[in-house]
Protein backbone atom coordinates (compact mmCIF):
# COMPACT_ATOMS: atom_id res chain seq x y z
CA MET A 1 -15.01 0.28 236.28
CA VAL A 2 -17.19 0.31 239.38
CA GLN A 3 -20.23 0.78 237.17
CA ILE A 4 -19.60 -2.58 235.51
CA PHE A 5 -19.60 -4.29 238.89
CA ARG A 6 -22.87 -2.60 239.79
CA ILE A 7 -24.49 -3.64 236.51
CA LEU A 8 -23.40 -7.25 237.00
CA HIS A 9 -24.40 -7.15 240.70
CA LEU A 10 -20.90 -8.15 241.89
CA ASP A 11 -19.45 -7.27 245.26
CA VAL A 12 -16.20 -5.34 245.23
CA ARG A 13 -13.77 -6.04 248.04
CA GLN A 14 -12.67 -2.84 249.79
CA ASP A 15 -9.93 -4.35 251.98
CA TRP A 16 -6.89 -6.63 251.71
CA ASP A 17 -7.12 -10.40 251.99
CA GLN A 18 -5.14 -11.01 255.20
CA SER A 19 -4.06 -14.54 254.29
CA LEU A 20 -2.49 -13.22 251.09
CA MET A 21 -0.81 -10.39 253.01
CA LYS A 22 0.88 -12.96 255.26
CA ILE A 23 2.16 -14.82 252.21
CA VAL A 24 3.50 -11.57 250.74
CA PHE A 25 5.22 -10.80 254.05
CA TYR A 26 6.93 -14.20 254.26
CA LEU A 27 7.98 -14.18 250.61
CA SER A 28 9.37 -10.66 250.96
CA PHE A 29 11.29 -11.71 254.05
CA ALA A 30 12.79 -14.65 252.14
CA GLN A 31 13.65 -12.33 249.25
CA LEU A 32 15.37 -9.94 251.66
CA ALA A 33 17.42 -12.77 253.20
CA ILE A 34 18.53 -14.02 249.77
CA SER A 35 19.38 -10.49 248.63
CA ILE A 36 21.45 -9.74 251.73
CA PHE A 37 23.24 -13.08 251.34
CA SER A 38 23.96 -12.21 247.69
CA LEU A 39 25.26 -8.79 248.70
CA GLY A 40 27.55 -10.52 251.20
CA VAL A 41 28.88 -12.82 248.48
CA ASN A 42 29.36 -9.78 246.24
CA ALA A 43 31.26 -8.01 249.03
CA LYS A 44 33.43 -11.09 249.60
CA ARG A 45 34.37 -11.16 245.92
CA HIS A 46 34.96 -7.37 245.87
CA ARG A 47 38.78 -7.41 245.72
CA ARG A 48 39.84 -5.16 242.87
CA LYS A 49 39.39 -1.41 242.74
CA SER A 50 37.44 -1.78 239.49
CA ASP A 51 34.87 -4.12 241.10
CA ARG A 52 31.47 -2.57 241.75
CA TYR A 53 28.51 -3.47 243.89
CA SER A 54 25.39 -4.46 241.99
CA LYS A 55 23.02 -1.49 241.78
CA SER A 56 20.08 -3.74 241.03
CA LEU A 57 20.77 -5.84 244.12
CA ILE A 58 20.85 -2.76 246.35
CA THR A 59 17.64 -1.51 244.71
CA ILE A 60 15.94 -4.85 245.34
CA ILE A 61 16.98 -4.75 249.02
CA ILE A 62 15.56 -1.23 249.44
CA LEU A 63 12.30 -2.10 247.67
CA THR A 64 11.93 -5.30 249.69
CA ILE A 65 12.37 -3.39 252.94
CA LEU A 66 9.66 -0.95 251.82
CA ILE A 67 7.34 -3.84 250.92
CA LEU A 68 7.98 -5.46 254.30
CA LEU A 69 7.19 -2.22 256.11
CA PHE A 70 3.99 -1.78 254.09
CA THR A 71 2.78 -5.33 254.65
CA PHE A 72 3.69 -5.29 258.35
CA LYS A 73 1.75 -2.06 258.78
CA ASN A 74 -1.33 -3.54 257.04
CA MET A 75 -1.31 -6.95 258.74
């Protein structure tokens, strides 16, 4: 793939665009807030023994925390 860029005389960026990293950080923070709020609503509705917490919601929270840590480290 790099050979194509060399043939076409195009520059390849070797680092992250910092303005886009800030946007990713803020969007991930908003996603985390919404996910935690949704988990709170799920916990509030969790009344019966057969009720379960959403596995996908917990997975999204964990992944969002990892994304936030990655973007904060690279900002």
